[in-house]
Structure formats: C-alpha cells, structure tokens
Amino acid sequence: MQSAPKSNWSRAALCAALLLLPALAVGLPATENNGSKPADSNADPKKDSNGEPVKYIGPGSCAATSCHGSVKPVADSRILQNEYSTWIVKDKHSRAYQALTGDIGERIARILKLNSKAEQASKCLACHALYTTPEQRGRPFELSEGVSCENCHGPASAWLGPHTTRDWPHEKSVALGMRDTRDVIHRTEKCLECHLGTKDKFVDHEMIAAGHPDLFFELDSFSAVMPRHWKSPRESAPGKPVEDAAWVGVRDWSAGQAVQLRAEMERLTWRAKGERFDKKDVWPEYSELSCFACHHALAPAKDSWRQEHGFAGRRPATSYSVCSQNKSIRRAHKN
C-alpha cells in the first residue's frame, strides 16, 4: 500500500495544530507583560562573572566578518555567520528608527502633541530603537541603528566573548543574560512586546487615529519575510539538524498563535483594569475592536458602498451601544 503524500501529512499536522491551539494557550505559563520604557528597565538584572549588571553594547559588537558579519553563509558552520549582514541590508528592523524621521512619523508626533520630534520621544523609541538608560550602556551606540541584535537577544556584555569559544553551551549564555530565542514560546513573547504591546509600551486607538499602522503579527510568516537570519532547522553541528524540517513551520505557527492568544487576553485584562503605565483610564479601548465595526470607508458618502447598501431591516451599531457593552464588560470584571 502506498504511503500518503507529504502534503497530506502537512495538512494533518496543521489540522492538529488548529485543534490544539486553545489547549496550548490555557496551558502556557502566565507571564508579566513588563515591557520596556527603556529596555528591560523593569526586569531583574542579570550579572556578569564579576557580579556587575550586564549591559548593552550595540550591534557593531557583532559585525566582525569572523563573527556574524560575513557577506555570505560560511561553509561547515552550524550557524550562518552572516546574520549581521542580513539584518542591516534586508531586515526592516534595522530601519525602524528611520520610520520616525519621515513625514508620517513627524505628523503622528504632531497630532499626538508629543512636544518633541518622534525620534526623540520615549513613547516611540521604546519599539523603534535599542532604547536604554545611560546606566545600561556598556559602549556607545546610536539609536539610529534601529531595532538591533540586543533588542531580541538581550544585553551582551557578559556573554559576547565567552559564546565565541568552542563548545560553549547555550545555557551558559542564557544564564548571563542572553534571551533564549531557540525556545519558540520565549521568542514569540519577545516579538509580541512590540508587535502586540505591554502595559508599558503599546499602540492604542489614539495612536492609530493619528496615523500609526494597526498591529498584527504571525510568527512564522513574519520570520520568513524578515528574512530569517538563522538556520532552519537548527543544527547541533554542521549538517546535523536537531529539528524535523517538515515540522518547524507548523510548530512556529501554532505555538506563536497560542502565545499570542494568551497575550491578547492579558492585554484586554490590563486595559479593562486601567493598568496602563501612564495611568490613563481609557475604556473602552477601541483598538481592541475592528476598525470597520465603527468606521465607514473614509471617503465621500456618495462613493461609499456602505451608504449605498443602506440599513434596511437592521439598526446600525452606534458608539453609544458599543460603549454600553464595554462598560458592562468592565462592571462584570470588577464584580
């Protein structure tokens, strides 16, 4: 009897992942969305071998051609070694700061009345740069370098040198402050700090109305278009994968969706409880809803298909009814 084609197995795996999503989300450990005003200002600081807090040293520390700055993948290496080159040439994260300096960024800052340029506002820099306190800087680096290595991999002062030595275990780097992005749950949590938001840095309805794009995220697709600067599947040694290549995409998608579902419910909770870092009691928070639940197409009424369609046989939702529903949710939560 012939075995099922690989595509059938992939579909079966995808269906299984869909069915498991709710269980995965419930089973994930609870987290504190402690985000960053400056980077990791609320986290317990890691210590180096001398007992000093680990610090950020900037993306230039990774740029040597013998480290991560090669112009092409290095043969017979379990890592690509061109990660820095891929980031600075192809990855939009490297241009996140520049998004603040253009006409759109300045217009948003003006509408929000930030009293500064967007590229000087902590509200914007929290997710558009490696934004730290002066005490967290181990070496000089520029905010204009955008979202760089240590935004995702953690402050590198303690593990940068040791992790280049032969047979240095990944677990030791993690103990010295490296974030464990090999763990797909931890990786998704780190991405969602900006791509979904925390109590301390977020995109709300006010920012969207000023022109900031609405946020959306899906781990596997976003990783592909970044593009990935790591080997997939991961290898323990050159040519020795430690993951099933056919399963990696399904795992990243399904685990990413489960982590995001949990994070979205946590976000809804702290918004409903008024726990924003700026202490503004904003409820209902309209960015939790679909834009089209309230807005018609932003065009002349004569050109609007919604106006042409009319409301025969039904009563359109009003801002009053939406507010009433959301206030009922808040009262139920408090009780």
Protein backbone atom coordinates (compact mmCIF):
# COMPACT_ATOMS: atom_id res chain seq x y z
CA MET A 1 0.00 0.00 0.00
CA GLN A 2 1.36 3.42 -0.91
CA SER A 3 2.05 5.92 1.86
CA ALA A 4 0.21 9.22 1.91
CA PRO A 5 1.95 12.08 0.16
CA LYS A 6 3.91 14.52 2.32
CA SER A 7 1.36 17.25 1.62
CA ASN A 8 -1.33 15.14 3.31
CA TRP A 9 0.83 14.74 6.38
CA SER A 10 1.38 18.51 6.44
CA ARG A 11 -2.36 19.13 6.25
CA ALA A 12 -2.98 16.65 9.04
CA ALA A 13 -0.33 18.34 11.20
CA LEU A 14 -1.89 21.73 10.52
CA CYS A 15 -5.35 20.49 11.48
CA ALA A 16 -3.96 19.00 14.67
CA ALA A 17 -2.25 22.30 15.49
CA LEU A 18 -5.53 24.20 14.98
CA LEU A 19 -7.37 21.86 17.33
CA LEU A 20 -4.66 22.16 19.96
CA LEU A 21 -4.48 25.97 19.98
CA PRO A 22 -6.99 26.59 22.81
CA ALA A 23 -5.37 23.93 24.98
CA LEU A 24 -1.90 25.32 24.30
CA ALA A 25 -2.97 28.85 25.22
CA VAL A 26 -4.52 27.68 28.50
CA GLY A 27 -1.51 25.51 29.33
CA LEU A 28 1.14 28.19 28.77
CA PRO A 29 2.67 29.64 31.93
CA ALA A 30 1.40 33.06 32.92
CA THR A 31 3.73 35.97 32.27
CA GLU A 32 4.09 39.50 33.47
CA ASN A 33 3.97 41.87 30.49
CA ASN A 34 6.65 44.11 31.94
CA GLY A 35 7.75 45.59 28.61
CA SER A 36 10.20 48.47 28.49
CA LYS A 37 10.26 52.17 28.82
CA PRO A 38 13.95 51.88 28.36
CA ALA A 39 14.95 48.30 27.52
CA ASP A 40 14.28 45.83 30.35
CA SER A 41 14.09 48.59 32.96
CA ASN A 42 11.60 46.52 34.96
CA ALA A 43 13.35 43.15 34.65
CA ASP A 44 15.63 41.62 37.29
CA PRO A 45 19.14 42.46 36.01
CA LYS A 46 21.47 39.60 35.11
CA LYS A 47 25.01 39.70 36.49
CA ASP A 48 28.33 39.06 34.80
CA SER A 49 31.13 36.95 36.29
CA ASN A 50 32.24 39.93 38.41
CA GLY A 51 28.77 40.49 39.82
CA GLU A 52 28.17 43.61 37.72
CA PRO A 53 24.83 44.11 35.88
CA VAL A 54 25.02 43.09 32.22
CA LYS A 55 24.87 45.93 29.71
CA TYR A 56 24.00 46.71 26.12
CA ILE A 57 26.95 47.21 23.76
CA GLY A 58 25.28 47.80 20.39
CA PRO A 59 25.09 45.90 17.08
CA GLY A 60 28.61 46.87 15.99
CA SER A 61 29.91 44.33 18.52
CA CYS A 62 28.52 41.54 16.32
CA ALA A 63 29.69 42.89 12.96
CA ALA A 64 33.14 41.32 12.54
CA THR A 65 33.41 39.09 9.46
CA SER A 66 34.66 36.24 11.63
CA CYS A 67 31.58 36.53 13.87
CA HIS A 68 28.22 37.47 12.31
CA GLY A 69 29.31 39.96 9.65
CA SER A 70 30.27 37.67 6.78
CA VAL A 71 28.86 38.70 3.41
CA LYS A 72 27.68 35.14 2.73
CA PRO A 73 26.94 32.00 4.75
CA VAL A 74 30.07 30.28 5.99
CA ALA A 75 30.53 26.66 4.91
CA ASP A 76 30.95 23.95 7.54
CA SER A 77 29.45 26.07 10.31
CA ARG A 78 26.35 25.26 12.35
CA ILE A 79 25.39 28.96 12.15
CA LEU A 80 25.31 31.14 9.05
CA GLN A 81 27.75 33.82 10.34
CA ASN A 82 26.19 36.44 8.02
CA GLU A 83 23.42 37.35 10.47
CA TYR A 84 24.53 40.97 10.93
CA SER A 85 24.84 41.46 7.16
CA THR A 86 21.35 40.06 6.58
CA TRP A 87 19.92 42.31 9.29
CA ILE A 88 21.48 45.55 8.12
CA VAL A 89 20.76 45.01 4.39
CA LYS A 90 17.41 43.18 4.30
CA ASP A 91 15.69 43.42 7.68
CA LYS A 92 13.23 46.28 8.24
CA HIS A 93 14.08 46.23 11.94
CA SER A 94 17.35 47.98 11.05
CA ARG A 95 15.32 50.86 9.60
CA ALA A 96 12.78 51.15 12.43
CA TYR A 97 14.30 54.41 13.67
CA GLN A 98 14.16 55.95 10.18
CA ALA A 99 10.39 55.40 10.19
CA LEU A 100 10.21 58.04 12.92
CA THR A 101 12.15 60.69 11.00
CA GLY A 102 9.97 60.87 7.87
CA ASP A 103 6.91 62.98 7.17
CA ILE A 104 4.49 60.38 8.54
CA GLY A 105 6.39 59.97 11.81
CA GLU A 106 6.57 63.70 12.36
CA ARG A 107 2.88 64.12 11.51
CA ILE A 108 1.92 61.45 14.07
CA ALA A 109 4.06 63.17 16.73
CA ARG A 110 2.39 66.49 15.96
CA ILE A 111 -1.15 65.08 16.17
CA LEU A 112 -0.34 63.29 19.44
CA LYS A 113 1.14 66.51 20.84
CA LEU A 114 4.30 64.75 22.00
CA ASN A 115 6.08 68.11 22.42
CA SER A 116 9.11 66.66 20.64
CA LYS A 117 10.04 65.02 17.39
CA ALA A 118 9.03 61.37 17.07
CA GLU A 119 12.69 60.27 17.07
CA GLN A 120 13.16 61.94 20.45
CA ALA A 121 10.01 60.64 22.16
CA SER A 122 10.35 57.71 24.54
CA LYS A 123 6.84 56.61 23.53
CA CYS A 124 8.19 55.93 20.02
CA LEU A 125 11.78 54.92 20.78
CA ALA A 126 10.63 52.10 23.08
CA CYS A 127 9.87 49.99 20.00
CA HIS A 128 11.80 51.74 17.23
CA ALA A 129 15.33 51.57 18.67
CA LEU A 130 17.59 49.93 21.23
CA TYR A 131 16.35 52.37 23.85
CA THR A 132 18.18 52.10 27.17
CA THR A 133 19.09 54.21 30.16
CA PRO A 134 22.66 55.60 30.21
CA GLU A 135 23.47 53.18 33.05
CA GLN A 136 22.56 50.23 30.82
CA ARG A 137 25.06 51.16 28.11
CA GLY A 138 28.36 49.33 28.16
CA ARG A 139 29.63 51.03 24.98
CA PRO A 140 28.44 53.97 22.88
CA PHE A 141 25.97 53.12 20.11
CA GLU A 142 23.44 55.05 18.09
CA LEU A 143 19.64 54.97 18.43
CA SER A 144 19.56 55.46 14.65
CA GLU A 145 20.74 51.84 14.26
CA GLY A 146 17.13 50.85 14.92
CA VAL A 147 15.93 47.58 16.39
CA SER A 148 19.14 45.60 16.56
CA CYS A 149 20.68 42.40 17.92
CA GLU A 150 20.24 43.04 21.64
CA ASN A 151 16.58 44.06 21.33
CA CYS A 152 15.88 40.38 20.73
CA HIS A 153 18.93 38.54 22.10
CA GLY A 154 19.42 40.53 25.29
CA PRO A 155 22.29 42.64 26.68
CA ALA A 156 25.53 41.04 25.51
CA SER A 157 28.31 42.43 27.70
CA ALA A 158 28.59 39.27 29.79
CA TRP A 159 28.25 36.59 27.13
CA LEU A 160 29.61 38.19 23.95
CA GLY A 161 33.19 36.98 24.40
CA PRO A 162 32.56 33.58 26.03
CA HIS A 163 29.92 32.50 23.50
CA THR A 164 32.54 32.54 20.71
CA THR A 165 34.64 29.83 22.37
CA ARG A 166 34.43 26.24 21.15
CA ASP A 167 31.90 24.02 22.95
CA TRP A 168 30.49 26.94 24.97
CA PRO A 169 26.96 25.78 25.95
CA HIS A 170 23.98 27.91 25.01
CA GLU A 171 22.61 27.54 28.54
CA LYS A 172 25.58 29.47 29.98
CA SER A 173 24.88 32.38 27.66
CA VAL A 174 21.23 32.38 28.76
CA ALA A 175 22.35 32.45 32.40
CA LEU A 176 24.48 35.54 31.58
CA GLY A 177 21.62 37.50 30.03
CA MET A 178 21.07 36.10 26.51
CA ARG A 179 17.41 35.59 25.70
CA ASP A 180 16.59 32.02 24.73
CA THR A 181 15.16 32.66 21.26
CA ARG A 182 15.65 28.98 20.41
CA ASP A 183 12.57 28.39 22.57
CA VAL A 184 9.67 29.31 20.28
CA ILE A 185 7.50 30.41 23.23
CA HIS A 186 10.15 32.78 24.56
CA ARG A 187 10.82 34.03 21.03
CA THR A 188 7.15 34.83 20.45
CA GLU A 189 6.85 36.57 23.81
CA LYS A 190 9.77 38.84 22.90
CA CYS A 191 8.29 39.70 19.48
CA LEU A 192 4.90 40.47 20.99
CA GLU A 193 6.33 43.03 23.41
CA CYS A 194 6.26 45.43 20.47
CA HIS A 195 4.12 43.71 17.84
CA LEU A 196 1.21 43.44 20.31
CA GLY A 197 2.23 45.59 23.26
CA THR A 198 2.61 45.54 27.03
CA LYS A 199 1.43 47.78 29.86
CA ASP A 200 4.50 49.95 29.30
CA LYS A 201 4.59 50.22 25.51
CA PHE A 202 1.63 49.82 23.23
CA VAL A 203 -0.29 51.16 20.26
CA ASP A 204 -3.76 52.35 21.20
CA HIS A 205 -6.71 53.88 19.34
CA GLU A 206 -5.30 57.37 19.83
CA MET A 207 -2.08 56.41 18.01
CA ILE A 208 -3.91 54.60 15.23
CA ALA A 209 -6.16 57.62 14.70
CA ALA A 210 -3.02 59.76 14.43
CA GLY A 211 -1.73 57.55 11.61
CA HIS A 212 0.23 54.72 13.25
CA PRO A 213 -0.44 51.38 11.50
CA ASP A 214 -2.60 48.92 13.40
CA LEU A 215 -0.64 46.00 14.83
CA PHE A 216 -0.82 42.44 13.61
CA PHE A 217 1.60 39.55 13.94
CA GLU A 218 2.07 35.91 12.98
CA LEU A 219 5.39 34.36 13.97
CA ASP A 220 6.09 32.00 11.06
CA SER A 221 5.17 34.44 8.28
CA PHE A 222 6.94 37.39 9.90
CA SER A 223 10.06 35.26 10.38
CA ALA A 224 10.05 34.34 6.70
CA VAL A 225 9.75 37.90 5.41
CA MET A 226 12.23 39.31 7.94
CA PRO A 227 14.03 37.29 6.43
CA ARG A 228 15.30 34.60 8.81
CA HIS A 229 18.95 35.08 9.68
CA TRP A 230 19.28 31.67 11.34
CA LYS A 231 19.41 28.12 10.05
CA SER A 232 16.09 26.32 9.88
CA PRO A 233 16.08 23.59 11.00
CA ARG A 234 18.56 24.39 13.76
CA GLU A 235 21.77 22.33 13.81
CA SER A 236 23.87 20.97 16.67
CA ALA A 237 26.84 20.65 14.32
CA PRO A 238 27.33 21.34 10.60
CA GLY A 239 24.86 19.19 8.69
CA LYS A 240 23.33 17.67 11.86
CA PRO A 241 19.80 19.07 12.35
CA VAL A 242 18.20 18.82 15.77
CA GLU A 243 14.71 19.54 14.42
CA ASP A 244 12.44 17.98 11.83
CA ALA A 245 12.41 20.43 8.93
CA ALA A 246 8.87 19.42 7.92
CA TRP A 247 7.55 20.28 11.38
CA VAL A 248 9.33 23.59 12.14
CA GLY A 249 6.86 25.85 10.28
CA VAL A 250 3.79 24.21 11.78
CA ARG A 251 5.34 24.36 15.25
CA ASP A 252 6.24 28.04 14.92
CA TRP A 253 2.81 28.96 13.57
CA SER A 254 0.78 27.02 16.13
CA ALA A 255 2.89 27.89 19.19
CA GLY A 256 3.00 31.51 18.03
CA GLN A 257 -0.78 31.66 17.76
CA ALA A 258 -1.22 30.14 21.22
CA VAL A 259 1.21 32.58 22.85
CA GLN A 260 -0.44 35.49 21.06
CA LEU A 261 -3.91 34.40 22.16
CA ARG A 262 -2.74 34.39 25.77
CA ALA A 263 -1.03 37.78 25.36
CA GLU A 264 -4.15 39.29 23.78
CA MET A 265 -6.30 38.14 26.69
CA GLU A 266 -3.75 39.56 29.14
CA ARG A 267 -3.77 42.86 27.23
CA LEU A 268 -7.56 43.01 27.34
CA THR A 269 -7.39 42.39 31.10
CA TRP A 270 -4.91 45.14 31.95
CA ARG A 271 -6.70 47.58 29.66
CA ALA A 272 -10.04 46.84 31.30
CA LYS A 273 -8.46 47.22 34.76
CA GLY A 274 -6.81 50.55 33.82
CA GLU A 275 -3.24 49.37 34.42
CA ARG A 276 -1.50 51.38 31.66
CA PHE A 277 1.88 52.78 32.70
CA ASP A 278 0.67 56.34 32.03
CA LYS A 279 -2.29 55.81 34.40
CA LYS A 280 -4.81 57.00 31.82
CA ASP A 281 -8.16 55.31 32.41
CA VAL A 282 -9.12 54.65 28.79
CA TRP A 283 -12.08 52.31 28.45
CA PRO A 284 -13.45 51.17 26.13
CA GLU A 285 -10.17 50.90 24.21
CA TYR A 286 -11.37 50.96 20.62
CA SER A 287 -8.19 49.42 19.21
CA GLU A 288 -9.47 46.13 20.64
CA LEU A 289 -12.26 46.26 18.02
CA SER A 290 -12.25 46.03 14.25
CA CYS A 291 -11.95 49.48 12.69
CA PHE A 292 -14.88 48.74 10.39
CA ALA A 293 -17.11 47.97 13.36
CA CYS A 294 -17.40 51.75 13.74
CA HIS A 295 -15.92 53.44 10.69
CA HIS A 296 -17.28 53.65 7.19
CA ALA A 297 -14.81 53.99 4.38
CA LEU A 298 -13.04 57.30 4.82
CA ALA A 299 -14.32 58.71 1.52
CA PRO A 300 -17.21 60.93 0.38
CA ALA A 301 -20.57 59.44 1.29
CA LYS A 302 -21.59 59.30 -2.38
CA ASP A 303 -18.66 56.93 -3.01
CA SER A 304 -19.33 54.67 -0.04
CA TRP A 305 -20.70 51.22 -0.78
CA ARG A 306 -21.90 51.09 2.83
CA GLN A 307 -24.05 54.17 2.34
CA GLU A 308 -25.35 52.80 -0.94
CA HIS A 309 -26.21 49.48 0.70
CA GLY A 310 -28.23 51.23 3.39
CA PHE A 311 -29.56 49.81 6.61
CA ALA A 312 -32.88 48.34 5.54
CA GLY A 313 -34.16 45.85 8.08
CA ARG A 314 -31.46 46.48 10.65
CA ARG A 315 -30.29 49.18 13.03
CA PRO A 316 -26.63 50.18 12.69
CA ALA A 317 -24.46 49.95 15.79
CA THR A 318 -23.87 53.28 17.44
CA SER A 319 -20.99 54.47 19.55
CA TYR A 320 -23.47 54.55 22.46
CA SER A 321 -24.32 50.87 22.15
CA VAL A 322 -20.63 49.90 21.85
CA CYS A 323 -19.80 51.98 24.93
CA SER A 324 -22.64 50.40 26.87
CA GLN A 325 -21.48 46.90 26.00
CA ASN A 326 -17.90 47.64 27.01
CA LYS A 327 -18.96 49.28 30.28
CA SER A 328 -20.98 46.16 31.07
CA ILE A 329 -17.87 44.04 30.48
CA ARG A 330 -15.86 46.23 32.85
CA ARG A 331 -18.54 46.06 35.58
CA ALA A 332 -18.72 42.27 35.22
CA HIS A 333 -14.95 42.01 35.50
CA LYS A 334 -14.84 44.15 38.68
CA ASN A 335 -17.61 42.10 40.27
